[in-house]
Amino acid sequence: MDKFLYRFRPAARLLGGKDAQGIEQPGELENLEIYFAAPDQLNDPLEGYREVFWSGDSLLWKNLFKHYLLLLALKSWEVMMLGAGEKYSNAVQVRARVTSLTPAYAPCFATMLETLFADSVIQSYIAALSKDKRRCYQPELIHHLVWLHPIFLAVVFQVNKDTWIGSLPYESSVEGTEEKNARYSVELSRIAQPDTDEKRFGYYRETALDKTMLDIMMGNVKHSTKLDGEKAIGLNSLIREFPHVFVKALDELMYPRWYVACFMEECRNSSIWGTYGGNHKAICLKFKVDDHQAGHSLKLKVPKESLDDSLVYDFKNMPFQAVSYSREFSHVDFFRTMGNTSPEALLQDWHSDGELSFSSSCEWLFSEDKQATARHFEKFNATLTSKLSHWESEKEFRIVLRSNMDLREGAKRKLRYKFKSLDGLIFGIATSIADKIRAIEVIKALCDKHKRKTFNFYQAYYDPASKAIRYDLLEVPGFPRKPT
């Protein structure tokens, strides 16, 4: 028996139209494309969510702070070097290494590092966070970095100013050592308290509230500066957003970037038609999927790297994965789960001090367990196919595209499928006549091009007997087609 899966798409995306310049552009249907969305484009902010925690000795925490300082320094230099017409980007070079710094910048960073680790507050935080290798979950880490960020900023900006590199118009608060220590003592004592659920969840609440306040500040208030344009945007971002940007970027050291295309097991739910189906105005694509012992799949033209680092595309069977609505969120130990980081960087930048000392957590680096990598990505895959029970009515299947290639540009994530995989189109109850006619015209051209004799058009309707949305074959005038 044939197996079908369904994908809702807005008519505008599916059929194309005129762009901002008034030029007619083909849609996803004409190009036989499936768009793979980035996590931040999905409607659930908990997509791919993992309970990541940081647990390690003082060496690991010191290296984490060192990496934070390195990325902050790199962004400060980027802001200073912005030329006319250049755009500032929030993206950080999360894989950057101190050993890759040029001779012009290496001495500057060495001074920053020495200054930072001479700070008594930084020393106290490293000691507190590494004590008993307690678990510091992501919201707590963000909270601490937000609190410590003024110290990091002061170090970076002051050393930049004292060297030939240059300066940015930022003034840190002037306070004595005793005053500064007193300000941080409350937070340090909080770290030392027993790790109860109440304490842990408090960080979740505070981080969410702080982030909202920060976003409001970024949207409405500009830091006092003589800069304007992109440099002002960059400076404001460094001051207010960097801790959150840094922690989010660390995810890439554990797992590759990922993107998804969402499908559904059925299209009978009226509320689904109302949301994903754009108030029943959208068009639902009915795909005939390959059914085999391992599950369902769809042939897609996926990107792969060539010898010259350009992207080439080739057809590959991409498996469908059923979304679980009952699976618990995974707890992930960051320092032991950096499986998307080079062995050299792991050993030299994270699990050692660059001399002869190694972290107490480095044993996993030398493990001969051949199944470790498989387990690592199985756990990752589970997070990409888990949603809260509130979403259960979707009955979703998804195809996941994982890659370390740079696919951040949306056009690179439009993957082509074979026309024979598309059984038909289902028009919504409120799909406009104009969109229906346009879709039929596109399909007629595709059938001629691919020498296909049959194609199915369906019309959705409300069935009072089942109190659900059903669909049936349409007899399209001038386009006689038989059921496949």
Protein backbone atom coordinates (compact mmCIF):
# COMPACT_ATOMS: atom_id res chain seq x y z
CA MET A 1 0.00 0.00 0.00
CA ASP A 2 1.35 3.42 -0.95
CA LYS A 3 2.43 5.73 1.86
CA PHE A 4 1.75 9.46 1.69
CA LEU A 5 2.89 12.41 3.79
CA TYR A 6 1.60 15.97 3.61
CA ARG A 7 3.25 19.38 3.58
CA PHE A 8 1.39 22.69 3.91
CA ARG A 9 2.74 25.71 2.05
CA PRO A 10 1.49 29.29 1.62
CA ALA A 11 0.36 29.87 -1.95
CA ALA A 12 2.75 32.81 -2.33
CA ARG A 13 5.77 30.65 -1.48
CA LEU A 14 4.56 27.75 -3.56
CA LEU A 15 3.56 29.66 -6.67
CA GLY A 16 6.02 32.57 -6.66
CA GLY A 17 5.31 36.05 -7.94
CA LYS A 18 6.93 39.43 -8.40
CA ASP A 19 9.89 40.34 -6.21
CA ALA A 20 10.72 43.78 -4.77
CA GLN A 21 12.00 44.88 -8.19
CA GLY A 22 8.82 43.75 -9.91
CA ILE A 23 10.49 40.78 -11.59
CA GLU A 24 8.46 37.57 -11.77
CA GLN A 25 10.12 34.81 -9.73
CA PRO A 26 9.24 31.09 -9.84
CA GLY A 27 7.89 29.47 -6.72
CA GLU A 28 8.75 26.25 -4.92
CA LEU A 29 6.31 24.25 -7.03
CA GLU A 30 7.76 25.22 -10.40
CA ASN A 31 11.29 24.59 -9.10
CA LEU A 32 10.25 21.36 -7.32
CA GLU A 33 11.88 22.66 -4.15
CA ILE A 34 11.49 21.92 -0.47
CA TYR A 35 12.73 24.65 1.85
CA PHE A 36 14.61 23.58 4.97
CA ALA A 37 14.05 26.01 7.82
CA ALA A 38 16.63 27.07 10.39
CA PRO A 39 15.71 26.50 14.07
CA ASP A 40 14.90 30.18 14.64
CA GLN A 41 12.40 30.06 11.74
CA LEU A 42 10.31 27.31 13.34
CA ASN A 43 7.20 28.12 15.32
CA ASP A 44 8.35 26.41 18.53
CA PRO A 45 11.25 28.18 20.33
CA LEU A 46 12.04 24.88 22.07
CA GLU A 47 12.95 23.13 18.80
CA GLY A 48 16.18 21.21 19.35
CA TYR A 49 16.15 22.14 23.01
CA ARG A 50 18.66 20.41 25.26
CA GLU A 51 19.38 20.85 28.95
CA VAL A 52 23.04 21.71 28.43
CA PHE A 53 25.19 22.04 31.52
CA TRP A 54 28.81 22.90 32.25
CA SER A 55 30.55 20.77 34.87
CA GLY A 56 34.31 20.71 35.19
CA ASP A 57 37.45 21.59 37.07
CA SER A 58 39.10 25.01 37.25
CA LEU A 59 41.15 24.35 34.11
CA LEU A 60 38.01 23.88 32.00
CA TRP A 61 36.32 26.97 33.43
CA LYS A 62 39.44 29.01 32.88
CA ASN A 63 39.53 27.89 29.25
CA LEU A 64 35.83 28.74 28.83
CA PHE A 65 36.51 32.28 30.07
CA LYS A 66 39.57 32.43 27.82
CA HIS A 67 37.43 31.52 24.81
CA TYR A 68 34.85 34.13 25.80
CA LEU A 69 37.59 36.75 25.96
CA LEU A 70 39.02 35.68 22.60
CA LEU A 71 35.69 35.92 20.79
CA LEU A 72 34.91 39.26 22.44
CA ALA A 73 38.32 40.63 21.41
CA LEU A 74 37.80 39.45 17.83
CA LYS A 75 34.41 41.18 17.67
CA SER A 76 35.86 44.40 19.10
CA TRP A 77 38.52 44.43 16.40
CA GLU A 78 35.86 43.70 13.80
CA VAL A 79 33.81 46.71 14.93
CA MET A 80 36.85 48.99 14.85
CA MET A 81 37.77 47.85 11.34
CA LEU A 82 34.28 48.26 9.85
CA GLY A 83 34.54 50.29 6.68
CA ALA A 84 32.01 52.51 4.97
CA GLY A 85 29.14 50.49 3.57
CA GLU A 86 30.03 47.34 5.52
CA LYS A 87 27.37 45.64 7.63
CA TYR A 88 27.91 44.44 11.18
CA SER A 89 27.06 40.81 11.90
CA ASN A 90 26.31 39.31 15.30
CA ALA A 91 27.91 36.01 14.26
CA VAL A 92 30.99 35.01 16.24
CA GLN A 93 33.93 32.89 15.12
CA VAL A 94 33.18 30.16 17.64
CA ARG A 95 35.96 27.93 16.27
CA ALA A 96 38.59 30.67 16.54
CA ARG A 97 41.86 29.71 18.22
CA VAL A 98 44.50 31.78 19.97
CA THR A 99 47.17 30.02 17.91
CA SER A 100 45.59 31.47 14.76
CA LEU A 101 46.01 35.10 15.82
CA THR A 102 48.37 37.09 13.62
CA PRO A 103 51.54 38.63 15.09
CA ALA A 104 49.77 42.00 15.05
CA TYR A 105 47.06 40.82 17.46
CA ALA A 106 48.62 37.99 19.48
CA PRO A 107 50.55 40.25 21.92
CA CYS A 108 47.43 42.34 22.50
CA PHE A 109 45.39 39.27 23.39
CA ALA A 110 48.15 37.92 25.62
CA THR A 111 47.96 41.15 27.64
CA MET A 112 44.17 40.86 27.82
CA LEU A 113 44.46 37.31 29.10
CA GLU A 114 47.00 38.20 31.76
CA THR A 115 44.89 41.16 32.91
CA LEU A 116 41.69 39.12 33.07
CA PHE A 117 43.06 36.26 35.13
CA ALA A 118 44.72 38.69 37.55
CA ASP A 119 41.25 39.98 38.44
CA SER A 120 40.16 38.72 41.87
CA VAL A 121 36.48 38.46 40.89
CA ILE A 122 37.30 36.28 37.87
CA GLN A 123 39.48 34.09 40.08
CA SER A 124 36.65 33.74 42.62
CA TYR A 125 34.11 32.81 39.94
CA ILE A 126 36.38 30.11 38.49
CA ALA A 127 36.86 28.65 41.97
CA ALA A 128 33.14 28.78 42.78
CA LEU A 129 31.91 27.33 39.49
CA SER A 130 34.43 24.48 39.51
CA LYS A 131 33.88 23.48 43.15
CA ASP A 132 32.73 19.85 43.37
CA LYS A 133 32.20 19.98 39.58
CA ARG A 134 28.67 21.24 40.13
CA ARG A 135 26.32 21.45 37.16
CA CYS A 136 25.85 24.93 35.77
CA TYR A 137 22.92 24.84 33.33
CA GLN A 138 22.71 27.18 30.35
CA PRO A 139 20.45 29.86 31.90
CA GLU A 140 22.75 30.07 34.91
CA LEU A 141 25.83 30.34 32.69
CA ILE A 142 24.23 33.20 30.75
CA HIS A 143 23.34 34.89 34.04
CA HIS A 144 26.95 34.74 35.28
CA LEU A 145 28.38 35.92 31.96
CA VAL A 146 26.00 38.88 31.92
CA TRP A 147 27.21 39.81 35.39
CA LEU A 148 30.88 39.36 34.47
CA HIS A 149 30.61 40.96 31.05
CA PRO A 150 31.55 44.49 32.26
CA ILE A 151 34.86 43.09 33.52
CA PHE A 152 35.58 41.43 30.17
CA LEU A 153 34.61 44.60 28.31
CA ALA A 154 36.83 46.77 30.48
CA VAL A 155 39.80 44.49 29.84
CA VAL A 156 39.28 44.33 26.08
CA PHE A 157 38.63 48.03 25.56
CA GLN A 158 41.42 49.18 27.85
CA VAL A 159 44.07 46.93 26.31
CA ASN A 160 42.91 47.92 22.82
CA LYS A 161 43.26 51.56 23.84
CA ASP A 162 46.72 51.02 25.33
CA THR A 163 48.00 49.40 22.14
CA TRP A 164 48.20 50.59 18.58
CA ILE A 165 45.02 48.71 17.68
CA GLY A 166 42.73 51.57 18.69
CA SER A 167 39.78 52.27 20.91
CA LEU A 168 36.01 52.40 20.98
CA PRO A 169 34.11 55.14 22.83
CA TYR A 170 33.09 53.09 25.85
CA GLU A 171 33.52 54.06 29.48
CA SER A 172 33.33 51.36 32.12
CA SER A 173 32.13 52.13 35.62
CA VAL A 174 34.89 53.34 37.91
CA GLU A 175 34.94 51.56 41.26
CA GLY A 176 37.49 50.40 43.78
CA THR A 177 38.45 46.79 44.44
CA GLU A 178 36.45 46.57 47.67
CA GLU A 179 33.35 48.05 46.07
CA LYS A 180 33.62 45.67 43.11
CA ASN A 181 34.18 42.62 45.31
CA ALA A 182 31.17 43.54 47.43
CA ARG A 183 28.98 43.84 44.32
CA TYR A 184 29.87 40.30 43.21
CA SER A 185 29.92 38.67 46.65
CA VAL A 186 26.14 38.13 46.67
CA GLU A 187 26.28 36.22 43.38
CA LEU A 188 29.27 34.19 44.52
CA SER A 189 27.52 33.22 47.74
CA ARG A 190 24.49 32.17 45.71
CA ILE A 191 26.66 29.80 43.66
CA ALA A 192 27.90 28.25 46.91
CA GLN A 193 24.37 27.47 48.10
CA PRO A 194 23.00 23.92 47.65
CA ASP A 195 21.80 23.26 44.10
CA THR A 196 18.07 22.87 44.62
CA ASP A 197 15.42 22.92 41.88
CA GLU A 198 14.22 26.25 43.24
CA LYS A 199 17.69 27.74 42.81
CA ARG A 200 18.14 26.26 39.35
CA PHE A 201 14.72 27.32 38.08
CA GLY A 202 15.32 30.79 39.48
CA TYR A 203 18.11 31.26 36.96
CA TYR A 204 15.75 30.21 34.14
CA ARG A 205 13.22 32.85 35.19
CA GLU A 206 15.78 35.62 35.73
CA THR A 207 17.58 34.96 32.46
CA ALA A 208 14.32 35.12 30.49
CA LEU A 209 13.32 38.40 32.16
CA ASP A 210 16.81 39.89 31.78
CA LYS A 211 16.89 38.94 28.08
CA THR A 212 13.57 40.67 27.46
CA MET A 213 14.75 43.82 29.21
CA LEU A 214 17.97 43.70 27.18
CA ASP A 215 16.03 43.37 23.91
CA ILE A 216 13.89 46.36 24.86
CA MET A 217 16.99 48.38 25.65
CA MET A 218 18.59 47.41 22.34
CA GLY A 219 15.45 48.40 20.49
CA ASN A 220 14.87 51.74 22.17
CA VAL A 221 18.05 53.01 23.78
CA LYS A 222 21.42 53.64 22.19
CA HIS A 223 24.54 53.52 24.30
CA SER A 224 26.12 56.94 24.63
CA THR A 225 28.63 56.97 21.82
CA LYS A 226 30.14 59.22 19.21
CA LEU A 227 29.78 56.43 16.68
CA ASP A 228 26.92 56.09 14.25
CA GLY A 229 25.71 53.64 11.65
CA GLU A 230 27.01 50.07 11.69
CA LYS A 231 29.79 50.80 14.19
CA ALA A 232 27.22 52.05 16.69
CA ILE A 233 25.15 48.90 16.10
CA GLY A 234 28.25 46.76 16.60
CA LEU A 235 29.27 48.52 19.80
CA ASN A 236 25.76 48.27 21.24
CA SER A 237 25.71 44.58 20.39
CA LEU A 238 29.06 43.98 22.09
CA ILE A 239 27.90 45.75 25.22
CA ARG A 240 24.42 44.28 25.55
CA GLU A 241 24.05 41.10 23.52
CA PHE A 242 27.39 39.32 23.51
CA PRO A 243 26.86 36.93 26.49
CA HIS A 244 23.73 35.48 24.87
CA VAL A 245 25.34 35.31 21.42
CA PHE A 246 28.38 33.52 22.84
CA VAL A 247 26.45 30.84 24.72
CA LYS A 248 24.20 30.16 21.73
CA ALA A 249 27.26 29.80 19.48
CA LEU A 250 28.82 27.18 21.78
CA ASP A 251 26.17 24.75 20.57
CA GLU A 252 28.07 24.52 17.29
CA LEU A 253 31.06 22.99 19.10
CA MET A 254 28.85 20.07 20.12
CA TYR A 255 26.77 19.46 17.01
CA PRO A 256 26.58 20.62 13.38
CA ARG A 257 24.07 23.21 12.24
CA TRP A 258 20.71 21.69 11.42
CA TYR A 259 17.65 22.52 9.36
CA VAL A 260 14.31 20.78 8.95
CA ALA A 261 11.49 20.30 6.49
CA CYS A 262 8.20 19.44 8.18
CA PHE A 263 5.53 17.04 6.95
CA MET A 264 2.42 15.56 8.53
CA GLU A 265 0.92 12.12 8.63
CA GLU A 266 -2.52 13.43 7.71
CA CYS A 267 -4.31 16.66 6.79
CA ARG A 268 -7.70 16.16 8.45
CA ASN A 269 -7.31 18.56 11.39
CA SER A 270 -9.16 21.85 10.89
CA SER A 271 -6.97 23.72 13.38
CA ILE A 272 -3.87 22.59 11.48
CA TRP A 273 -5.41 23.91 8.27
CA GLY A 274 -6.11 27.12 10.17
CA THR A 275 -2.49 27.57 11.28
CA TYR A 276 -0.08 25.83 8.91
CA GLY A 277 -2.70 26.02 6.18
CA GLY A 278 -3.00 29.80 6.46
CA ASN A 279 -6.67 29.95 7.47
CA HIS A 280 -7.41 27.20 4.93
CA LYS A 281 -6.07 29.41 2.09
CA ALA A 282 -2.83 27.48 1.57
CA ILE A 283 -2.13 24.46 -0.61
CA CYS A 284 -1.14 21.08 0.79
CA LEU A 285 1.35 18.96 -1.14
CA LYS A 286 0.71 15.23 -1.06
CA PHE A 287 3.98 13.30 -1.36
CA LYS A 288 4.29 9.64 -2.21
CA VAL A 289 7.22 8.52 -0.09
CA ASP A 290 9.53 5.55 -0.45
CA ASP A 291 8.52 2.87 2.03
CA HIS A 292 11.09 0.31 3.15
CA GLN A 293 12.03 -1.71 6.20
CA ALA A 294 14.03 1.08 7.80
CA GLY A 295 11.16 3.55 7.40
CA HIS A 296 10.09 6.20 4.92
CA SER A 297 12.31 8.40 2.78
CA LEU A 298 12.25 10.94 -0.03
CA LYS A 299 14.88 11.47 -2.72
CA LEU A 300 16.25 15.00 -2.45
CA LYS A 301 19.13 16.78 -4.13
CA VAL A 302 21.30 17.56 -1.10
CA PRO A 303 24.44 19.71 -0.88
CA LYS A 304 27.89 18.27 -0.43
CA GLU A 305 31.33 19.82 -0.48
CA SER A 306 33.54 19.65 -3.53
CA LEU A 307 37.32 19.82 -3.69
CA ASP A 308 37.24 23.59 -4.19
CA ASP A 309 34.90 24.10 -1.17
CA SER A 310 31.96 25.04 -3.41
CA LEU A 311 28.60 23.34 -2.98
CA VAL A 312 27.47 20.63 -5.36
CA TYR A 313 24.12 18.86 -5.14
CA ASP A 314 23.28 15.23 -5.70
CA PHE A 315 20.18 13.09 -5.13
CA LYS A 316 20.11 11.10 -1.92
CA ASN A 317 17.46 9.19 0.02
CA MET A 318 16.64 11.39 3.01
CA PRO A 319 14.83 9.54 5.82
CA PHE A 320 11.66 10.78 7.47
CA GLN A 321 11.71 10.78 11.24
CA ALA A 322 8.58 10.71 13.37
CA VAL A 323 8.43 13.42 16.01
CA SER A 324 8.07 12.20 19.60
CA TYR A 325 5.75 14.14 21.88
CA SER A 326 6.61 12.26 25.08
CA ARG A 327 10.41 12.13 25.10
CA GLU A 328 12.15 14.01 27.91
CA PHE A 329 14.65 16.72 27.00
CA SER A 330 18.23 15.42 26.97
CA HIS A 331 20.74 16.54 29.58
CA VAL A 332 24.05 17.25 27.85
CA ASP A 333 27.46 17.70 29.50
CA PHE A 334 29.13 20.37 27.34
CA PHE A 335 32.75 19.66 28.21
CA ARG A 336 32.30 15.96 27.40
CA THR A 337 30.11 16.44 24.34
CA MET A 338 32.19 18.67 22.09
CA GLY A 339 31.97 16.15 19.28
CA ASN A 340 31.88 18.79 16.54
CA THR A 341 35.27 20.24 17.51
CA SER A 342 38.63 19.24 16.07
CA PRO A 343 40.78 16.93 18.25
CA GLU A 344 43.58 19.51 18.20
CA ALA A 345 41.34 22.28 19.53
CA LEU A 346 39.81 19.99 22.15
CA LEU A 347 43.16 18.97 23.54
CA GLN A 348 45.05 22.23 23.22
CA ASP A 349 42.37 24.87 23.80
CA TRP A 350 39.89 23.21 26.14
CA HIS A 351 41.22 20.20 28.05
CA SER A 352 44.75 21.38 28.76
CA ASP A 353 46.52 24.54 29.89
CA GLY A 354 48.86 24.46 26.92
CA GLU A 355 51.60 23.02 29.08
CA LEU A 356 51.52 19.66 30.86
CA SER A 357 48.29 19.92 32.83
CA PHE A 358 45.09 18.27 31.61
CA SER A 359 41.50 18.52 32.78
CA SER A 360 40.05 15.75 34.88
CA SER A 361 37.40 15.30 32.16
CA CYS A 362 39.75 14.62 29.27
CA GLU A 363 39.46 10.83 29.51
CA TRP A 364 36.66 10.80 26.93
CA LEU A 365 39.07 12.24 24.37
CA PHE A 366 41.17 9.09 24.50
CA SER A 367 38.31 6.61 24.74
CA GLU A 368 38.49 3.68 22.31
CA ASP A 369 34.72 3.18 22.47
CA LYS A 370 33.83 2.96 18.78
CA GLN A 371 30.15 3.46 19.56
CA ALA A 372 30.72 6.79 21.31
CA THR A 373 30.28 8.84 18.13
CA ALA A 374 27.13 6.96 17.19
CA ARG A 375 25.65 7.55 20.66
CA HIS A 376 26.62 11.21 20.48
CA PHE A 377 24.65 11.78 17.29
CA GLU A 378 21.77 9.52 18.34
CA LYS A 379 21.30 11.79 21.33
CA PHE A 380 21.52 14.82 19.07
CA ASN A 381 18.99 13.34 16.67
CA ALA A 382 16.58 12.68 19.53
CA THR A 383 16.59 16.38 20.44
CA LEU A 384 15.71 17.32 16.85
CA THR A 385 12.67 15.06 16.81
CA SER A 386 11.22 15.86 20.24
CA LYS A 387 8.43 18.32 21.01
CA LEU A 388 6.20 19.01 23.98
CA SER A 389 2.89 17.14 24.17
CA HIS A 390 1.04 20.38 23.32
CA TRP A 391 2.04 19.85 19.68
CA GLU A 392 0.83 16.25 19.46
CA SER A 393 -2.07 17.03 17.12
CA GLU A 394 0.45 17.79 14.35
CA LYS A 395 1.43 14.12 13.93
CA GLU A 396 4.62 15.42 12.37
CA PHE A 397 7.32 13.72 10.37
CA ARG A 398 10.43 15.64 9.47
CA ILE A 399 13.52 15.42 7.33
CA VAL A 400 16.62 16.77 9.06
CA LEU A 401 19.51 18.32 7.15
CA ARG A 402 22.68 18.34 9.26
CA SER A 403 25.82 19.95 7.93
CA ASN A 404 29.02 21.75 8.88
CA MET A 405 28.90 23.47 5.50
CA ASP A 406 27.80 27.09 5.51
CA LEU A 407 24.12 26.81 4.60
CA ARG A 408 22.98 29.91 6.47
CA GLU A 409 21.84 31.50 3.22
CA GLY A 410 18.29 30.31 2.64
CA ALA A 411 18.75 29.71 -1.09
CA LYS A 412 21.29 26.98 -0.31
CA ARG A 413 18.65 25.07 1.66
CA LYS A 414 16.09 24.75 -1.13
CA LEU A 415 16.44 21.09 -2.02
CA ARG A 416 14.91 19.67 -5.18
CA TYR A 417 12.78 16.54 -5.32
CA LYS A 418 11.72 14.38 -8.25
CA PHE A 419 8.39 15.34 -9.79
CA LYS A 420 7.22 11.73 -9.62
CA SER A 421 7.32 11.96 -5.80
CA LEU A 422 4.53 14.54 -5.81
CA ASP A 423 1.21 12.67 -6.00
CA GLY A 424 -0.96 15.76 -6.00
CA LEU A 425 -2.06 19.11 -4.59
CA ILE A 426 -4.85 19.60 -2.08
CA PHE A 427 -6.59 22.96 -2.27
CA GLY A 428 -7.83 24.37 1.03
CA ILE A 429 -11.45 25.29 1.66
CA ALA A 430 -10.54 28.98 1.25
CA THR A 431 -7.78 28.72 -1.38
CA SER A 432 -8.47 31.45 -3.93
CA ILE A 433 -9.58 30.66 -7.47
CA ALA A 434 -6.59 32.60 -8.80
CA ASP A 435 -4.16 30.44 -6.79
CA LYS A 436 -5.87 27.25 -7.93
CA ILE A 437 -5.67 28.25 -11.59
CA ARG A 438 -2.04 29.30 -11.23
CA ALA A 439 -1.16 25.97 -9.54
CA ILE A 440 -2.89 24.01 -12.31
CA GLU A 441 -0.93 25.95 -14.94
CA VAL A 442 2.37 25.24 -13.20
CA ILE A 443 1.56 21.53 -12.93
CA LYS A 444 0.52 21.38 -16.60
CA ALA A 445 3.94 22.77 -17.58
CA LEU A 446 5.71 20.31 -15.28
CA CYS A 447 3.77 17.36 -16.70
CA ASP A 448 4.73 18.41 -20.23
CA LYS A 449 8.36 18.86 -19.23
CA HIS A 450 8.64 15.53 -17.42
CA LYS A 451 6.32 13.65 -19.82
CA ARG A 452 4.02 12.70 -16.98
CA LYS A 453 0.53 11.54 -17.93
CA THR A 454 -1.27 11.67 -14.59
CA PHE A 455 -1.46 14.10 -11.69
CA ASN A 456 -4.01 14.46 -8.92
CA PHE A 457 -5.76 17.65 -7.82
CA TYR A 458 -7.86 17.46 -4.68
CA GLN A 459 -10.33 19.75 -2.94
CA ALA A 460 -10.58 19.85 0.84
CA TYR A 461 -14.01 20.09 2.45
CA TYR A 462 -15.64 19.76 5.85
CA ASP A 463 -17.19 16.37 6.54
CA PRO A 464 -19.96 16.68 9.18
CA ALA A 465 -20.06 12.92 9.74
CA SER A 466 -16.46 12.70 10.97
CA LYS A 467 -16.28 16.36 12.02
CA ALA A 468 -12.96 16.59 10.20
CA ILE A 469 -11.48 17.94 7.00
CA ARG A 470 -11.48 15.50 4.12
CA TYR A 471 -10.45 15.82 0.49
CA ASP A 472 -11.49 14.26 -2.80
CA LEU A 473 -10.31 14.21 -6.41
CA LEU A 474 -11.13 17.14 -8.64
CA GLU A 475 -12.08 16.80 -12.28
CA VAL A 476 -10.11 19.74 -13.67
CA PRO A 477 -11.53 21.05 -17.01
CA GLY A 478 -9.04 20.69 -19.82
CA PHE A 479 -6.74 18.70 -17.59
CA PRO A 480 -8.06 15.14 -17.43
CA ARG A 481 -6.03 13.09 -14.99
CA LYS A 482 -6.49 9.60 -13.63
CA PRO A 483 -5.75 8.58 -10.03
CA THR A 484 -2.24 7.22 -9.57
